[in-house]
Amino acid sequence: MKQKAYAAAGVDIDLGNKVKATLPQLLASTHRREVLGKVGGFGGLFQLDLKKYREPILVSSVDGVGTKLKIAFTMDKHDTIGADLVNHCVNDIAVLGAEPLFFLDYLGTGKLEPHVFTDIIKGFARACAENNCALIGGETAQMPGFYQKGEYDVSGTIVGVVEKSRMLNGQKAVKRGDVVIGIESSGLHTNGYSLGRKIFFEQLKLKTSSRIPGSKLPLGEELLKVHVSYGPLVQKLLAKFNQGGVAASRQSAAVSKKSLRRSADAPLRAFAHITGGGFVDNIPRVLPKSLDVVIRKGSWDMLPIFQIIEQKSGVPDEELYQVFNMGIG
């Protein structure tokens, strides 16, 4: 049979349809009772249960994974990327007290590779299920000549909800003398990889297979550790201390009993997601303009990946704490 003109130009619609045929079961595994319709429509449908809220506020966020993708390309390991993106977006709305409702993804690539596509979508589905967030749709774009061979980009959009009276606003709520509690990260999460790659692979001449002191994993796997989702933990904390939030079924990040006790005498006033901009840019986003925070360097155990960056990079501390999360997510 003669090859179709579009396929000859680099866009294989038949392959795309064949690969996408595996999606309905994956997406269905994430669906909540509010999801309407079937996979494959022009738009995803979600019916918010208005009986649960007096004044529901929808909260949305969109993000990507950045140059962490370069590590995935090098290692041909793509099963963590989808979870990175979902968890990042969940955290961005969690700082307002919002629980996730649904998520939509975008994948753009030059040539659709079935195993890569499947691994990424499985990552989306797994993380959505863990966060009680419905994966209701997405877009896959084949764009030959636009990306280098073996490369792709992903982005995602999340929509969540919070009761207006329970929405967190640190700029109004945070007071002088409030205690700052840090919750650990798993590593670089999804920010700082352009500098991180330069430090490890150009400056220190390491490889993805190299071992770093204090880590049981090769460097590449350390760098691909999944971005922690703090959403379920935030909801548990809000339910316990602020008499609000949606108590989640499981906890995705560790917090010490000592930290919980110290928070018990006052409501939780704000959360900051330490992403691009690090401590320096993200913490002020949830503070009144008249206040700063005092953070004691060394008051938490530094992860091995950040010990190497701090000791070997030659980058000043101020910049490190503006680029990386330095172990606090």
C-alpha atoms as a PDB file:
ATOM      1  CA  MET A   1       0.000   0.000   0.000  1.00  0.00           C
ATOM      2  CA  LYS A   2       1.342   3.426  -0.919  1.00  0.00           C
ATOM      3  CA  GLN A   3       2.559   5.466   2.046  1.00  0.00           C
ATOM      4  CA  LYS A   4       0.270   8.312   2.971  1.00  0.00           C
ATOM      5  CA  ALA A   5       1.578  11.795   2.213  1.00  0.00           C
ATOM      6  CA  TYR A   6       1.230  12.989   5.823  1.00  0.00           C
ATOM      7  CA  ALA A   7       3.137   9.965   7.131  1.00  0.00           C
ATOM      8  CA  ALA A   8       5.815  10.591   4.512  1.00  0.00           C
ATOM      9  CA  ALA A   9       6.073  14.128   5.867  1.00  0.00           C
ATOM     10  CA  GLY A  10       6.722  12.709   9.336  1.00  0.00           C
ATOM     11  CA  VAL A  11       3.281  12.669  10.977  1.00  0.00           C
ATOM     12  CA  ASP A  12       1.957   9.134  11.414  1.00  0.00           C
ATOM     13  CA  ILE A  13      -1.730   9.514  12.301  1.00  0.00           C
ATOM     14  CA  ASP A  14      -2.321   5.751  12.249  1.00  0.00           C
ATOM     15  CA  LEU A  15       0.479   5.150  14.742  1.00  0.00           C
ATOM     16  CA  GLY A  16      -0.822   7.964  16.915  1.00  0.00           C
ATOM     17  CA  ASN A  17      -4.303   6.468  16.944  1.00  0.00           C
ATOM     18  CA  LYS A  18      -2.926   3.011  17.697  1.00  0.00           C
ATOM     19  CA  VAL A  19      -0.913   4.265  20.658  1.00  0.00           C
ATOM     20  CA  LYS A  20      -3.784   6.390  21.963  1.00  0.00           C
ATOM     21  CA  ALA A  21      -6.055   3.342  21.909  1.00  0.00           C
ATOM     22  CA  THR A  22      -4.282   2.202  25.079  1.00  0.00           C
ATOM     23  CA  LEU A  23      -5.301   5.352  26.968  1.00  0.00           C
ATOM     24  CA  PRO A  24      -8.945   4.879  28.023  1.00  0.00           C
ATOM     25  CA  GLN A  25      -8.161   2.272  30.671  1.00  0.00           C
ATOM     26  CA  LEU A  26      -5.291   4.335  32.081  1.00  0.00           C
ATOM     27  CA  LEU A  27      -7.359   7.501  32.263  1.00  0.00           C
ATOM     28  CA  ALA A  28     -10.362   5.670  33.700  1.00  0.00           C
ATOM     29  CA  SER A  29      -8.193   4.470  36.593  1.00  0.00           C
ATOM     30  CA  THR A  30      -7.900   8.101  37.728  1.00  0.00           C
ATOM     31  CA  HIS A  31     -11.519   9.137  37.307  1.00  0.00           C
ATOM     32  CA  ARG A  32     -13.652  10.415  40.150  1.00  0.00           C
ATOM     33  CA  ARG A  33     -17.441  10.216  40.196  1.00  0.00           C
ATOM     34  CA  GLU A  34     -17.595  13.837  38.981  1.00  0.00           C
ATOM     35  CA  VAL A  35     -16.068  12.928  35.604  1.00  0.00           C
ATOM     36  CA  LEU A  36     -18.601  12.814  32.770  1.00  0.00           C
ATOM     37  CA  GLY A  37     -18.329  11.397  29.282  1.00  0.00           C
ATOM     38  CA  LYS A  38     -15.711   9.176  27.708  1.00  0.00           C
ATOM     39  CA  VAL A  39     -12.112   9.698  26.666  1.00  0.00           C
ATOM     40  CA  GLY A  40     -11.648  11.110  23.165  1.00  0.00           C
ATOM     41  CA  GLY A  41     -14.105  13.976  23.089  1.00  0.00           C
ATOM     42  CA  PHE A  42     -13.216  17.525  22.137  1.00  0.00           C
ATOM     43  CA  GLY A  43     -13.175  18.468  25.811  1.00  0.00           C
ATOM     44  CA  GLY A  44     -13.000  16.758  29.190  1.00  0.00           C
ATOM     45  CA  LEU A  45     -16.104  17.025  31.352  1.00  0.00           C
ATOM     46  CA  PHE A  46     -16.153  17.421  35.130  1.00  0.00           C
ATOM     47  CA  GLN A  47     -19.239  18.212  37.210  1.00  0.00           C
ATOM     48  CA  LEU A  48     -18.278  19.917  40.460  1.00  0.00           C
ATOM     49  CA  ASP A  49     -20.361  18.779  43.430  1.00  0.00           C
ATOM     50  CA  LEU A  50     -21.613  22.174  44.590  1.00  0.00           C
ATOM     51  CA  LYS A  51     -23.298  20.643  47.637  1.00  0.00           C
ATOM     52  CA  LYS A  52     -19.873  20.240  49.244  1.00  0.00           C
ATOM     53  CA  TYR A  53     -19.100  23.974  49.185  1.00  0.00           C
ATOM     54  CA  ARG A  54     -20.652  27.253  50.222  1.00  0.00           C
ATOM     55  CA  GLU A  55     -18.385  29.436  48.088  1.00  0.00           C
ATOM     56  CA  PRO A  56     -16.151  27.257  45.912  1.00  0.00           C
ATOM     57  CA  ILE A  57     -13.111  28.946  44.387  1.00  0.00           C
ATOM     58  CA  LEU A  58     -11.497  27.230  41.407  1.00  0.00           C
ATOM     59  CA  VAL A  59      -7.697  27.319  41.432  1.00  0.00           C
ATOM     60  CA  SER A  60      -5.648  26.550  38.322  1.00  0.00           C
ATOM     61  CA  SER A  61      -1.992  26.214  37.426  1.00  0.00           C
ATOM     62  CA  VAL A  62       0.095  25.233  34.417  1.00  0.00           C
ATOM     63  CA  ASP A  63       3.705  24.101  34.324  1.00  0.00           C
ATOM     64  CA  GLY A  64       6.377  22.043  32.596  1.00  0.00           C
ATOM     65  CA  VAL A  65       9.325  19.904  33.638  1.00  0.00           C
ATOM     66  CA  GLY A  66      12.110  22.055  32.182  1.00  0.00           C
ATOM     67  CA  THR A  67      15.525  20.694  31.290  1.00  0.00           C
ATOM     68  CA  LYS A  68      15.149  17.738  33.635  1.00  0.00           C
ATOM     69  CA  LEU A  69      13.914  16.202  30.397  1.00  0.00           C
ATOM     70  CA  LYS A  70      17.503  16.211  29.125  1.00  0.00           C
ATOM     71  CA  ILE A  71      18.387  13.633  31.790  1.00  0.00           C
ATOM     72  CA  ALA A  72      15.436  11.479  30.733  1.00  0.00           C
ATOM     73  CA  PHE A  73      16.551  11.692  27.083  1.00  0.00           C
ATOM     74  CA  THR A  74      20.109  10.664  27.953  1.00  0.00           C
ATOM     75  CA  MET A  75      18.993   7.700  30.054  1.00  0.00           C
ATOM     76  CA  ASP A  76      15.996   6.771  27.874  1.00  0.00           C
ATOM     77  CA  LYS A  77      14.005   6.681  31.109  1.00  0.00           C
ATOM     78  CA  HIS A  78      10.634   8.393  30.934  1.00  0.00           C
ATOM     79  CA  ASP A  79       8.445   6.779  33.603  1.00  0.00           C
ATOM     80  CA  THR A  80       9.049   9.535  36.175  1.00  0.00           C
ATOM     81  CA  ILE A  81       8.365  12.567  33.983  1.00  0.00           C
ATOM     82  CA  GLY A  82       4.575  12.408  34.084  1.00  0.00           C
ATOM     83  CA  ALA A  83       4.562  12.140  37.874  1.00  0.00           C
ATOM     84  CA  ASP A  84       6.974  15.080  38.131  1.00  0.00           C
ATOM     85  CA  LEU A  85       4.580  17.285  36.229  1.00  0.00           C
ATOM     86  CA  VAL A  86       1.413  16.259  38.061  1.00  0.00           C
ATOM     87  CA  ASN A  87       3.018  16.595  41.494  1.00  0.00           C
ATOM     88  CA  HIS A  88       4.489  19.995  40.682  1.00  0.00           C
ATOM     89  CA  CYS A  89       1.080  21.286  39.636  1.00  0.00           C
ATOM     90  CA  VAL A  90      -0.630  19.746  42.680  1.00  0.00           C
ATOM     91  CA  ASN A  91       1.818  21.550  44.959  1.00  0.00           C
ATOM     92  CA  ASP A  92       1.282  24.880  43.240  1.00  0.00           C
ATOM     93  CA  ILE A  93      -2.427  24.860  44.045  1.00  0.00           C
ATOM     94  CA  ALA A  94      -1.976  23.187  47.446  1.00  0.00           C
ATOM     95  CA  VAL A  95      -0.278  26.310  48.798  1.00  0.00           C
ATOM     96  CA  LEU A  96      -3.662  28.028  48.525  1.00  0.00           C
ATOM     97  CA  GLY A  97      -5.343  25.172  50.353  1.00  0.00           C
ATOM     98  CA  ALA A  98      -6.887  23.752  47.184  1.00  0.00           C
ATOM     99  CA  GLU A  99      -7.473  20.070  46.501  1.00  0.00           C
ATOM    100  CA  PRO A 100      -6.961  18.922  42.892  1.00  0.00           C
ATOM    101  CA  LEU A 101      -9.966  18.095  40.741  1.00  0.00           C
ATOM    102  CA  PHE A 102      -8.656  17.324  37.263  1.00  0.00           C
ATOM    103  CA  PHE A 103      -5.542  17.468  35.102  1.00  0.00           C
ATOM    104  CA  LEU A 104      -4.851  17.793  31.369  1.00  0.00           C
ATOM    105  CA  ASP A 105      -1.517  17.105  29.696  1.00  0.00           C
ATOM    106  CA  TYR A 106       0.334  18.133  26.555  1.00  0.00           C
ATOM    107  CA  LEU A 107       3.110  16.175  24.837  1.00  0.00           C
ATOM    108  CA  GLY A 108       4.930  17.530  21.805  1.00  0.00           C
ATOM    109  CA  THR A 109       7.534  15.514  19.898  1.00  0.00           C
ATOM    110  CA  GLY A 110       9.126  15.186  16.494  1.00  0.00           C
ATOM    111  CA  LYS A 111       8.374  11.485  16.109  1.00  0.00           C
ATOM    112  CA  LEU A 112       6.020   9.541  18.340  1.00  0.00           C
ATOM    113  CA  GLU A 113       7.857   6.709  20.095  1.00  0.00           C
ATOM    114  CA  PRO A 114       5.269   4.310  21.563  1.00  0.00           C
ATOM    115  CA  HIS A 115       7.314   3.205  24.604  1.00  0.00           C
ATOM    116  CA  VAL A 116       8.167   6.800  25.508  1.00  0.00           C
ATOM    117  CA  PHE A 117       4.578   7.961  25.109  1.00  0.00           C
ATOM    118  CA  THR A 118       3.234   5.064  27.183  1.00  0.00           C
ATOM    119  CA  ASP A 119       5.736   5.568  30.009  1.00  0.00           C
ATOM    120  CA  ILE A 120       4.933   9.274  30.250  1.00  0.00           C
ATOM    121  CA  ILE A 121       1.162   8.747  30.256  1.00  0.00           C
ATOM    122  CA  LYS A 122       1.477   5.980  32.844  1.00  0.00           C
ATOM    123  CA  GLY A 123       3.353   8.485  35.002  1.00  0.00           C
ATOM    124  CA  PHE A 124       0.555  11.019  34.596  1.00  0.00           C
ATOM    125  CA  ALA A 125      -2.063   8.412  35.497  1.00  0.00           C
ATOM    126  CA  ARG A 126      -0.179   7.023  38.491  1.00  0.00           C
ATOM    127  CA  ALA A 127       0.394  10.453  40.026  1.00  0.00           C
ATOM    128  CA  CYS A 128      -3.163  11.590  39.317  1.00  0.00           C
ATOM    129  CA  ALA A 129      -4.525   8.511  41.083  1.00  0.00           C
ATOM    130  CA  GLU A 130      -2.219   9.114  44.058  1.00  0.00           C
ATOM    131  CA  ASN A 131      -3.442  12.706  44.318  1.00  0.00           C
ATOM    132  CA  ASN A 132      -7.141  11.886  43.775  1.00  0.00           C
ATOM    133  CA  CYS A 133      -7.013  13.992  40.619  1.00  0.00           C
ATOM    134  CA  ALA A 134      -8.827  12.945  37.450  1.00  0.00           C
ATOM    135  CA  LEU A 135      -6.833  12.812  34.226  1.00  0.00           C
ATOM    136  CA  ILE A 136      -9.572  13.875  31.821  1.00  0.00           C
ATOM    137  CA  GLY A 137      -7.731  14.630  28.596  1.00  0.00           C
ATOM    138  CA  GLY A 138      -4.694  15.918  26.801  1.00  0.00           C
ATOM    139  CA  GLU A 139      -3.021  16.664  23.495  1.00  0.00           C
ATOM    140  CA  THR A 140      -0.264  14.826  21.665  1.00  0.00           C
ATOM    141  CA  ALA A 141       1.412  16.772  18.860  1.00  0.00           C
ATOM    142  CA  GLN A 142       3.735  15.229  16.277  1.00  0.00           C
ATOM    143  CA  MET A 143       5.903  18.024  14.877  1.00  0.00           C
ATOM    144  CA  PRO A 144       8.667  16.660  12.628  1.00  0.00           C
ATOM    145  CA  GLY A 145      11.604  19.002  12.197  1.00  0.00           C
ATOM    146  CA  PHE A 146      10.750  20.955  15.328  1.00  0.00           C
ATOM    147  CA  TYR A 147      12.448  18.770  17.962  1.00  0.00           C
ATOM    148  CA  GLN A 148      15.781  16.964  17.913  1.00  0.00           C
ATOM    149  CA  LYS A 149      15.583  13.193  17.463  1.00  0.00           C
ATOM    150  CA  GLY A 150      14.496  11.492  20.675  1.00  0.00           C
ATOM    151  CA  GLU A 151      13.373  14.721  22.322  1.00  0.00           C
ATOM    152  CA  TYR A 152       9.969  15.974  23.439  1.00  0.00           C
ATOM    153  CA  ASP A 153       8.374  18.520  25.730  1.00  0.00           C
ATOM    154  CA  VAL A 154       5.529  18.155  28.192  1.00  0.00           C
ATOM    155  CA  SER A 155       3.273  20.539  30.040  1.00  0.00           C
ATOM    156  CA  GLY A 156       0.217  20.142  32.192  1.00  0.00           C
ATOM    157  CA  THR A 157      -2.731  22.111  33.477  1.00  0.00           C
ATOM    158  CA  ILE A 158      -4.449  21.416  36.777  1.00  0.00           C
ATOM    159  CA  VAL A 159      -7.713  22.712  38.198  1.00  0.00           C
ATOM    160  CA  GLY A 160      -8.576  22.419  41.877  1.00  0.00           C
ATOM    161  CA  VAL A 161     -11.034  23.852  44.355  1.00  0.00           C
ATOM    162  CA  VAL A 162     -10.966  25.442  47.790  1.00  0.00           C
ATOM    163  CA  GLU A 163     -13.688  26.811  50.023  1.00  0.00           C
ATOM    164  CA  LYS A 164     -13.328  30.603  49.924  1.00  0.00           C
ATOM    165  CA  SER A 165     -13.305  30.936  53.720  1.00  0.00           C
ATOM    166  CA  ARG A 166     -10.504  28.352  53.976  1.00  0.00           C
ATOM    167  CA  MET A 167      -8.282  29.718  51.233  1.00  0.00           C
ATOM    168  CA  LEU A 168      -4.779  30.448  52.506  1.00  0.00           C
ATOM    169  CA  ASN A 169      -3.452  33.984  52.116  1.00  0.00           C
ATOM    170  CA  GLY A 170      -0.144  34.333  53.889  1.00  0.00           C
ATOM    171  CA  GLN A 171       0.224  37.962  52.832  1.00  0.00           C
ATOM    172  CA  LYS A 172      -2.623  38.769  55.206  1.00  0.00           C
ATOM    173  CA  ALA A 173      -2.332  35.966  57.764  1.00  0.00           C
ATOM    174  CA  VAL A 174       1.378  35.583  58.565  1.00  0.00           C
ATOM    175  CA  LYS A 175       2.435  37.416  61.728  1.00  0.00           C
ATOM    176  CA  ARG A 176       5.684  38.368  63.374  1.00  0.00           C
ATOM    177  CA  GLY A 177       6.941  35.474  65.492  1.00  0.00           C
ATOM    178  CA  ASP A 178       5.300  32.699  63.462  1.00  0.00           C
ATOM    179  CA  VAL A 179       7.337  29.492  63.204  1.00  0.00           C
ATOM    180  CA  VAL A 180       8.710  28.381  59.827  1.00  0.00           C
ATOM    181  CA  ILE A 181       8.678  24.615  59.225  1.00  0.00           C
ATOM    182  CA  GLY A 182      10.452  22.980  56.295  1.00  0.00           C
ATOM    183  CA  ILE A 183       9.357  19.727  54.671  1.00  0.00           C
ATOM    184  CA  GLU A 184      12.039  17.784  52.858  1.00  0.00           C
ATOM    185  CA  SER A 185      12.320  17.392  49.116  1.00  0.00           C
ATOM    186  CA  SER A 186      13.490  14.307  47.240  1.00  0.00           C
ATOM    187  CA  GLY A 187      16.154  16.186  45.296  1.00  0.00           C
ATOM    188  CA  LEU A 188      16.136  18.893  42.632  1.00  0.00           C
ATOM    189  CA  HIS A 189      12.451  18.222  41.887  1.00  0.00           C
ATOM    190  CA  THR A 190      11.833  20.069  38.590  1.00  0.00           C
ATOM    191  CA  ASN A 191      13.942  23.220  38.908  1.00  0.00           C
ATOM    192  CA  GLY A 192      17.570  24.201  38.561  1.00  0.00           C
ATOM    193  CA  TYR A 193      18.520  21.539  36.030  1.00  0.00           C
ATOM    194  CA  SER A 194      20.184  23.889  33.566  1.00  0.00           C
ATOM    195  CA  LEU A 195      22.705  24.872  36.239  1.00  0.00           C
ATOM    196  CA  GLY A 196      22.729  21.394  37.778  1.00  0.00           C
ATOM    197  CA  ARG A 197      23.604  19.738  34.475  1.00  0.00           C
ATOM    198  CA  LYS A 198      26.387  22.255  33.902  1.00  0.00           C
ATOM    199  CA  ILE A 199      27.845  21.598  37.364  1.00  0.00           C
ATOM    200  CA  PHE A 200      27.714  17.803  37.211  1.00  0.00           C
ATOM    201  CA  PHE A 201      28.412  17.059  33.560  1.00  0.00           C
ATOM    202  CA  GLU A 202      30.536  19.983  32.348  1.00  0.00           C
ATOM    203  CA  GLN A 203      32.308  21.255  35.445  1.00  0.00           C
ATOM    204  CA  LEU A 204      32.755  18.007  37.425  1.00  0.00           C
ATOM    205  CA  LYS A 205      32.900  15.776  34.306  1.00  0.00           C
ATOM    206  CA  LEU A 206      30.542  13.204  35.813  1.00  0.00           C
ATOM    207  CA  LYS A 207      28.255  10.837  33.929  1.00  0.00           C
ATOM    208  CA  THR A 208      24.722   9.649  34.615  1.00  0.00           C
ATOM    209  CA  SER A 209      26.296   6.363  35.752  1.00  0.00           C
ATOM    210  CA  SER A 210      28.645   8.092  38.233  1.00  0.00           C
ATOM    211  CA  ARG A 211      28.201   7.622  41.968  1.00  0.00           C
ATOM    212  CA  ILE A 212      28.233  10.508  44.407  1.00  0.00           C
ATOM    213  CA  PRO A 213      29.173  10.232  48.094  1.00  0.00           C
ATOM    214  CA  GLY A 214      26.246   9.436  50.373  1.00  0.00           C
ATOM    215  CA  SER A 215      23.927   8.193  47.623  1.00  0.00           C
ATOM    216  CA  LYS A 216      23.052   4.599  46.799  1.00  0.00           C
ATOM    217  CA  LEU A 217      21.888   5.554  43.318  1.00  0.00           C
ATOM    218  CA  PRO A 218      23.747   6.519  40.139  1.00  0.00           C
ATOM    219  CA  LEU A 219      23.776  10.261  39.503  1.00  0.00           C
ATOM    220  CA  GLY A 220      21.247  10.013  36.683  1.00  0.00           C
ATOM    221  CA  GLU A 221      18.704   8.280  38.897  1.00  0.00           C
ATOM    222  CA  GLU A 222      19.322  10.812  41.661  1.00  0.00           C
ATOM    223  CA  LEU A 223      18.546  13.582  39.204  1.00  0.00           C
ATOM    224  CA  LEU A 224      15.384  11.817  38.014  1.00  0.00           C
ATOM    225  CA  LYS A 225      13.914  11.322  41.484  1.00  0.00           C
ATOM    226  CA  VAL A 226      10.241  12.242  41.348  1.00  0.00           C
ATOM    227  CA  HIS A 227       9.086  15.652  42.527  1.00  0.00           C
ATOM    228  CA  VAL A 228       7.339  15.050  45.866  1.00  0.00           C
ATOM    229  CA  SER A 229       3.611  15.747  46.032  1.00  0.00           C
ATOM    230  CA  TYR A 230       2.784  17.630  49.214  1.00  0.00           C
ATOM    231  CA  GLY A 231      -0.911  17.932  48.362  1.00  0.00           C
ATOM    232  CA  PRO A 232      -2.240  15.040  50.484  1.00  0.00           C
ATOM    233  CA  LEU A 233      -0.077  16.137  53.415  1.00  0.00           C
ATOM    234  CA  VAL A 234      -1.270  19.735  53.143  1.00  0.00           C
ATOM    235  CA  GLN A 235      -4.892  18.583  53.221  1.00  0.00           C
ATOM    236  CA  LYS A 236      -4.238  16.418  56.291  1.00  0.00           C
ATOM    237  CA  LEU A 237      -2.554  19.296  58.094  1.00  0.00           C
ATOM    238  CA  LEU A 238      -5.321  21.734  57.229  1.00  0.00           C
ATOM    239  CA  ALA A 239      -7.970  19.270  58.377  1.00  0.00           C
ATOM    240  CA  LYS A 240      -6.121  18.754  61.662  1.00  0.00           C
ATOM    241  CA  PHE A 241      -5.082  22.295  62.532  1.00  0.00           C
ATOM    242  CA  ASN A 242      -7.283  24.662  60.536  1.00  0.00           C
ATOM    243  CA  GLN A 243     -10.517  22.662  60.670  1.00  0.00           C
ATOM    244  CA  GLY A 244     -10.512  22.804  56.894  1.00  0.00           C
ATOM    245  CA  GLY A 245      -9.170  21.133  53.841  1.00  0.00           C
ATOM    246  CA  VAL A 246     -10.048  17.733  52.480  1.00  0.00           C
ATOM    247  CA  ALA A 247      -8.491  14.917  54.499  1.00  0.00           C
ATOM    248  CA  ALA A 248      -6.568  12.781  52.031  1.00  0.00           C
ATOM    249  CA  SER A 249      -6.379   9.021  52.144  1.00  0.00           C
ATOM    250  CA  ARG A 250      -2.622   8.832  52.233  1.00  0.00           C
ATOM    251  CA  GLN A 251       0.395  10.967  53.048  1.00  0.00           C
ATOM    252  CA  SER A 252       2.969  11.648  50.339  1.00  0.00           C
ATOM    253  CA  ALA A 253       5.637  13.522  52.295  1.00  0.00           C
ATOM    254  CA  ALA A 254       7.156  13.134  55.729  1.00  0.00           C
ATOM    255  CA  VAL A 255       6.791  15.654  58.533  1.00  0.00           C
ATOM    256  CA  SER A 256       8.056  15.075  62.059  1.00  0.00           C
ATOM    257  CA  LYS A 257       5.798  14.702  65.107  1.00  0.00           C
ATOM    258  CA  LYS A 258       7.772  17.492  66.733  1.00  0.00           C
ATOM    259  CA  SER A 259       6.882  19.809  63.848  1.00  0.00           C
ATOM    260  CA  LEU A 260       3.219  18.883  64.150  1.00  0.00           C
ATOM    261  CA  ARG A 261       3.177  19.645  67.868  1.00  0.00           C
ATOM    262  CA  ARG A 262       4.800  23.023  67.318  1.00  0.00           C
ATOM    263  CA  SER A 263       2.098  23.903  64.795  1.00  0.00           C
ATOM    264  CA  ALA A 264      -0.761  22.810  67.024  1.00  0.00           C
ATOM    265  CA  ASP A 265      -1.051  26.039  69.006  1.00  0.00           C
ATOM    266  CA  ALA A 266      -1.992  28.141  65.954  1.00  0.00           C
ATOM    267  CA  PRO A 267      -3.567  27.644  62.543  1.00  0.00           C
ATOM    268  CA  LEU A 268      -1.345  27.077  59.549  1.00  0.00           C
ATOM    269  CA  ARG A 269      -1.111  30.470  57.876  1.00  0.00           C
ATOM    270  CA  ALA A 270       0.784  29.840  54.649  1.00  0.00           C
ATOM    271  CA  PHE A 271       2.629  27.325  52.512  1.00  0.00           C
ATOM    272  CA  ALA A 272       5.353  28.090  49.963  1.00  0.00           C
ATOM    273  CA  HIS A 273       6.266  25.669  47.194  1.00  0.00           C
ATOM    274  CA  ILE A 274      10.039  25.960  46.746  1.00  0.00           C
ATOM    275  CA  THR A 275      10.332  25.747  42.971  1.00  0.00           C
ATOM    276  CA  GLY A 276      12.047  28.023  40.449  1.00  0.00           C
ATOM    277  CA  GLY A 277      13.429  30.916  42.460  1.00  0.00           C
ATOM    278  CA  GLY A 278      14.282  28.755  45.455  1.00  0.00           C
ATOM    279  CA  PHE A 279      13.960  30.151  48.966  1.00  0.00           C
ATOM    280  CA  VAL A 280      14.825  33.656  47.847  1.00  0.00           C
ATOM    281  CA  ASP A 281      11.905  34.226  45.492  1.00  0.00           C
ATOM    282  CA  ASN A 282       9.204  31.811  46.660  1.00  0.00           C
ATOM    283  CA  ILE A 283       8.940  32.448  50.393  1.00  0.00           C
ATOM    284  CA  PRO A 284       8.300  36.210  49.981  1.00  0.00           C
ATOM    285  CA  ARG A 285       5.323  35.369  47.737  1.00  0.00           C
ATOM    286  CA  VAL A 286       3.363  34.288  50.833  1.00  0.00           C
ATOM    287  CA  LEU A 287       4.558  36.980  53.259  1.00  0.00           C
ATOM    288  CA  PRO A 288       3.329  40.477  54.070  1.00  0.00           C
ATOM    289  CA  LYS A 289       5.679  43.048  52.558  1.00  0.00           C
ATOM    290  CA  SER A 290       6.656  44.192  56.057  1.00  0.00           C
ATOM    291  CA  LEU A 291       8.009  40.775  57.116  1.00  0.00           C
ATOM    292  CA  ASP A 292      10.978  38.560  56.335  1.00  0.00           C
ATOM    293  CA  VAL A 293      11.807  35.061  57.527  1.00  0.00           C
ATOM    294  CA  VAL A 294      14.914  33.858  59.336  1.00  0.00           C
ATOM    295  CA  ILE A 295      16.099  30.425  58.198  1.00  0.00           C
ATOM    296  CA  ARG A 296      18.952  28.705  59.988  1.00  0.00           C
ATOM    297  CA  LYS A 297      21.204  27.085  57.433  1.00  0.00           C
ATOM    298  CA  GLY A 298      22.159  23.642  58.686  1.00  0.00           C
ATOM    299  CA  SER A 299      18.934  23.136  60.639  1.00  0.00           C
ATOM    300  CA  TRP A 300      18.023  20.279  58.268  1.00  0.00           C
ATOM    301  CA  ASP A 301      20.038  17.367  56.898  1.00  0.00           C
ATOM    302  CA  MET A 302      21.339  18.297  53.468  1.00  0.00           C
ATOM    303  CA  LEU A 303      20.723  15.670  50.794  1.00  0.00           C
ATOM    304  CA  PRO A 304      23.917  14.282  49.177  1.00  0.00           C
ATOM    305  CA  ILE A 305      23.044  15.822  45.797  1.00  0.00           C
ATOM    306  CA  PHE A 306      22.984  19.298  47.350  1.00  0.00           C
ATOM    307  CA  GLN A 307      26.119  18.671  49.406  1.00  0.00           C
ATOM    308  CA  ILE A 308      28.021  18.107  46.168  1.00  0.00           C
ATOM    309  CA  ILE A 309      26.508  21.198  44.566  1.00  0.00           C
ATOM    310  CA  GLU A 310      27.325  23.339  47.602  1.00  0.00           C
ATOM    311  CA  GLN A 311      30.871  22.024  48.055  1.00  0.00           C
ATOM    312  CA  LYS A 312      32.030  21.646  44.457  1.00  0.00           C
ATOM    313  CA  SER A 313      30.155  24.132  42.280  1.00  0.00           C
ATOM    314  CA  GLY A 314      31.780  27.368  43.418  1.00  0.00           C
ATOM    315  CA  VAL A 315      28.368  29.048  43.165  1.00  0.00           C
ATOM    316  CA  PRO A 316      27.692  31.507  46.041  1.00  0.00           C
ATOM    317  CA  ASP A 317      25.147  30.414  48.639  1.00  0.00           C
ATOM    318  CA  GLU A 318      22.785  33.257  47.800  1.00  0.00           C
ATOM    319  CA  GLU A 319      22.481  32.049  44.217  1.00  0.00           C
ATOM    320  CA  LEU A 320      22.225  28.379  45.215  1.00  0.00           C
ATOM    321  CA  TYR A 321      19.256  29.197  47.426  1.00  0.00           C
ATOM    322  CA  GLN A 322      17.663  31.135  44.575  1.00  0.00           C
ATOM    323  CA  VAL A 323      18.090  28.357  42.010  1.00  0.00           C
ATOM    324  CA  PHE A 324      17.643  25.121  43.980  1.00  0.00           C
ATOM    325  CA  ASN A 325      15.308  23.976  46.744  1.00  0.00           C
ATOM    326  CA  MET A 326      18.400  22.787  48.689  1.00  0.00           C
ATOM    327  CA  GLY A 327      16.466  19.922  50.266  1.00  0.00           C
ATOM    328  CA  ILE A 328      13.289  21.737  51.329  1.00  0.00           C
ATOM    329  CA  GLY A 329      10.326  21.432  48.972  1.00  0.00           C
END
